[in-house]
């Protein structure tokens, strides 16, 4: 339901968030989460790391905003 990108969104939207702990998550560069309503077949999804609790909280906030829950 979203993408992780190294390209900083310009301008940042309420459904974008910077991943502060990207290195801890196992990512190779500073990264951003962007709410992007797409789906992938399970076989195309792969684990690239784990978000810190703080970054996961930010991503959940982006999702709630994008889904109109806030």
N, C-alpha and C. Protein backbone atom coordinates (compact mmCIF):
# COMPACT_ATOMS: atom_id res chain seq x y z
N UNK A 1 0.80 -1.18 0.00
CA UNK A 1 0.00 0.00 0.00
C UNK A 1 0.85 1.25 0.00
N UNK A 2 2.10 1.06 -0.17
CA UNK A 2 3.00 2.20 -0.24
C UNK A 2 4.32 1.76 -0.82
N UNK A 3 5.16 2.72 -1.06
CA UNK A 3 6.48 2.43 -1.60
C UNK A 3 7.53 3.09 -0.72
N UNK A 4 8.70 2.52 -0.75
CA UNK A 4 9.86 3.14 -0.11
C UNK A 4 10.77 3.60 -1.23
N UNK A 5 11.15 4.86 -1.17
CA UNK A 5 11.97 5.45 -2.22
C UNK A 5 13.10 6.27 -1.61
N UNK A 6 14.16 6.42 -2.36
CA UNK A 6 15.26 7.28 -1.93
C UNK A 6 15.09 8.70 -2.45
N UNK A 7 14.08 8.90 -3.31
CA UNK A 7 13.81 10.23 -3.85
C UNK A 7 12.92 11.01 -2.90
N UNK A 8 13.42 12.12 -2.38
CA UNK A 8 12.64 12.94 -1.46
C UNK A 8 11.44 13.54 -2.18
N UNK A 9 10.24 13.30 -1.68
CA UNK A 9 9.05 13.90 -2.30
C UNK A 9 9.11 15.43 -2.25
N UNK A 10 8.81 16.06 -3.37
CA UNK A 10 8.83 17.52 -3.44
C UNK A 10 7.52 18.01 -4.00
N UNK A 11 6.70 18.63 -3.23
CA UNK A 11 6.80 18.84 -1.79
C UNK A 11 6.33 17.61 -1.02
N UNK A 12 6.69 17.54 0.25
CA UNK A 12 6.22 16.44 1.10
C UNK A 12 4.72 16.60 1.31
N UNK A 13 4.00 15.52 1.17
CA UNK A 13 2.55 15.50 1.40
C UNK A 13 2.28 14.86 2.76
N UNK A 14 1.09 15.01 3.29
CA UNK A 14 0.75 14.38 4.56
C UNK A 14 0.85 12.85 4.51
N UNK A 15 0.84 12.28 3.31
CA UNK A 15 0.95 10.83 3.16
C UNK A 15 2.39 10.39 2.84
N UNK A 16 3.35 11.29 3.03
CA UNK A 16 4.78 10.99 2.88
C UNK A 16 5.43 11.09 4.25
N UNK A 17 6.45 10.28 4.49
CA UNK A 17 7.22 10.45 5.71
C UNK A 17 8.65 10.00 5.49
N UNK A 18 9.55 10.74 6.09
CA UNK A 18 10.97 10.40 6.03
C UNK A 18 11.23 9.28 7.04
N UNK A 19 12.00 8.29 6.63
CA UNK A 19 12.36 7.20 7.52
C UNK A 19 13.65 7.59 8.23
N UNK A 20 13.54 8.00 9.47
CA UNK A 20 14.68 8.51 10.22
C UNK A 20 15.71 7.41 10.51
N UNK A 21 15.24 6.20 10.72
CA UNK A 21 16.13 5.10 11.10
C UNK A 21 16.37 4.14 9.94
N UNK A 22 16.60 4.69 8.76
CA UNK A 22 16.74 3.86 7.56
C UNK A 22 17.90 2.88 7.64
N UNK A 23 19.00 3.28 8.26
CA UNK A 23 20.14 2.36 8.37
C UNK A 23 19.81 1.18 9.27
N UNK A 24 19.15 1.46 10.38
CA UNK A 24 18.74 0.41 11.31
C UNK A 24 17.78 -0.57 10.63
N UNK A 25 16.98 -0.05 9.69
CA UNK A 25 16.02 -0.89 8.96
C UNK A 25 16.71 -1.77 7.91
N UNK A 26 17.99 -1.54 7.66
CA UNK A 26 18.70 -2.33 6.66
C UNK A 26 18.64 -1.75 5.27
N UNK A 27 18.19 -0.49 5.16
CA UNK A 27 18.14 0.17 3.86
C UNK A 27 19.51 0.73 3.52
N UNK A 28 19.80 0.90 2.25
CA UNK A 28 21.13 1.31 1.80
C UNK A 28 21.32 2.82 1.69
N UNK A 29 20.24 3.58 1.76
CA UNK A 29 20.32 5.04 1.62
C UNK A 29 19.15 5.67 2.36
N UNK A 30 19.26 6.96 2.62
CA UNK A 30 18.16 7.69 3.24
C UNK A 30 16.91 7.46 2.40
N UNK A 31 15.79 7.18 3.08
CA UNK A 31 14.59 6.75 2.37
C UNK A 31 13.34 7.42 2.90
N UNK A 32 12.29 7.34 2.09
CA UNK A 32 11.00 7.93 2.39
C UNK A 32 9.91 6.91 2.10
N UNK A 33 8.85 6.97 2.90
CA UNK A 33 7.66 6.18 2.63
C UNK A 33 6.67 7.08 1.92
N UNK A 34 6.03 6.56 0.86
CA UNK A 34 4.98 7.30 0.16
C UNK A 34 3.78 6.38 0.03
N UNK A 35 2.65 6.89 0.50
CA UNK A 35 1.42 6.13 0.32
C UNK A 35 1.14 6.09 -1.18
N UNK A 36 0.98 4.89 -1.70
CA UNK A 36 0.80 4.70 -3.14
C UNK A 36 -0.12 3.50 -3.31
N UNK A 37 -1.38 3.75 -3.60
CA UNK A 37 -2.36 2.65 -3.62
C UNK A 37 -2.17 1.70 -4.79
N UNK A 38 -1.29 0.75 -4.61
CA UNK A 38 -1.06 -0.29 -5.60
C UNK A 38 -1.02 -1.64 -4.89
N UNK A 39 -1.15 -2.68 -5.64
CA UNK A 39 -1.00 -4.02 -5.08
C UNK A 39 -0.01 -4.80 -5.93
N UNK A 40 0.67 -5.70 -5.29
CA UNK A 40 1.61 -6.58 -5.97
C UNK A 40 1.25 -8.02 -5.66
N UNK A 41 1.47 -8.93 -6.59
CA UNK A 41 1.33 -10.34 -6.25
C UNK A 41 2.34 -10.68 -5.14
N UNK A 42 1.97 -11.55 -4.24
CA UNK A 42 2.83 -11.92 -3.10
C UNK A 42 4.23 -12.32 -3.57
N UNK A 43 4.34 -12.98 -4.70
CA UNK A 43 5.65 -13.45 -5.17
C UNK A 43 6.59 -12.29 -5.53
N UNK A 44 6.03 -11.08 -5.72
CA UNK A 44 6.86 -9.92 -6.07
C UNK A 44 7.24 -9.07 -4.86
N UNK A 45 6.75 -9.42 -3.69
CA UNK A 45 7.04 -8.67 -2.48
C UNK A 45 8.22 -9.33 -1.78
N UNK A 46 9.19 -8.52 -1.36
CA UNK A 46 10.33 -9.10 -0.65
C UNK A 46 10.69 -8.23 0.55
N UNK A 47 11.16 -8.87 1.56
CA UNK A 47 11.57 -8.19 2.79
C UNK A 47 12.93 -7.55 2.55
N UNK A 48 13.02 -6.26 2.85
CA UNK A 48 14.31 -5.58 2.70
C UNK A 48 14.83 -5.06 4.03
N UNK A 49 14.05 -5.16 5.07
CA UNK A 49 14.47 -4.71 6.39
C UNK A 49 13.27 -4.54 7.29
N UNK A 50 13.50 -4.03 8.49
CA UNK A 50 12.43 -3.80 9.46
C UNK A 50 12.52 -2.38 9.97
N UNK A 51 11.39 -1.70 9.97
CA UNK A 51 11.34 -0.32 10.44
C UNK A 51 11.45 -0.27 11.96
N UNK A 52 12.05 0.80 12.45
CA UNK A 52 12.06 1.04 13.89
C UNK A 52 10.64 1.33 14.33
N UNK A 53 10.38 1.26 15.61
CA UNK A 53 9.04 1.55 16.12
C UNK A 53 8.62 2.98 15.77
N UNK A 54 9.56 3.93 15.87
CA UNK A 54 9.24 5.33 15.55
C UNK A 54 8.88 5.50 14.08
N UNK A 55 9.65 4.88 13.18
CA UNK A 55 9.34 4.98 11.75
C UNK A 55 8.04 4.26 11.42
N UNK A 56 7.78 3.11 12.05
CA UNK A 56 6.54 2.39 11.80
C UNK A 56 5.35 3.23 12.24
N UNK A 57 5.48 3.95 13.35
CA UNK A 57 4.42 4.84 13.82
C UNK A 57 4.15 5.93 12.78
N UNK A 58 5.21 6.50 12.19
CA UNK A 58 5.06 7.52 11.15
C UNK A 58 4.35 6.97 9.92
N UNK A 59 4.72 5.76 9.52
CA UNK A 59 4.10 5.13 8.35
C UNK A 59 2.61 4.89 8.63
N UNK A 60 2.28 4.39 9.81
CA UNK A 60 0.87 4.17 10.15
C UNK A 60 0.07 5.47 10.11
N UNK A 61 0.69 6.56 10.56
CA UNK A 61 0.03 7.87 10.50
C UNK A 61 -0.24 8.25 9.05
N UNK A 62 0.74 8.07 8.17
CA UNK A 62 0.55 8.35 6.74
C UNK A 62 -0.61 7.53 6.17
N UNK A 63 -0.67 6.27 6.55
CA UNK A 63 -1.75 5.41 6.06
C UNK A 63 -3.11 5.90 6.54
N UNK A 64 -3.21 6.25 7.82
CA UNK A 64 -4.49 6.75 8.35
C UNK A 64 -4.91 8.02 7.64
N UNK A 65 -3.97 8.94 7.40
CA UNK A 65 -4.29 10.18 6.70
C UNK A 65 -4.78 9.85 5.29
N UNK A 66 -4.07 8.99 4.60
CA UNK A 66 -4.43 8.64 3.24
C UNK A 66 -5.76 7.92 3.11
N UNK A 67 -6.13 7.19 4.14
CA UNK A 67 -7.39 6.46 4.13
C UNK A 67 -8.54 7.27 4.72
N UNK A 68 -8.24 8.50 5.13
CA UNK A 68 -9.27 9.38 5.65
C UNK A 68 -9.67 9.09 7.09
N UNK A 69 -8.81 8.41 7.83
CA UNK A 69 -9.10 8.09 9.23
C UNK A 69 -8.62 9.18 10.17
N UNK A 70 -8.05 10.25 9.65
CA UNK A 70 -7.59 11.36 10.50
C UNK A 70 -8.07 12.67 9.94
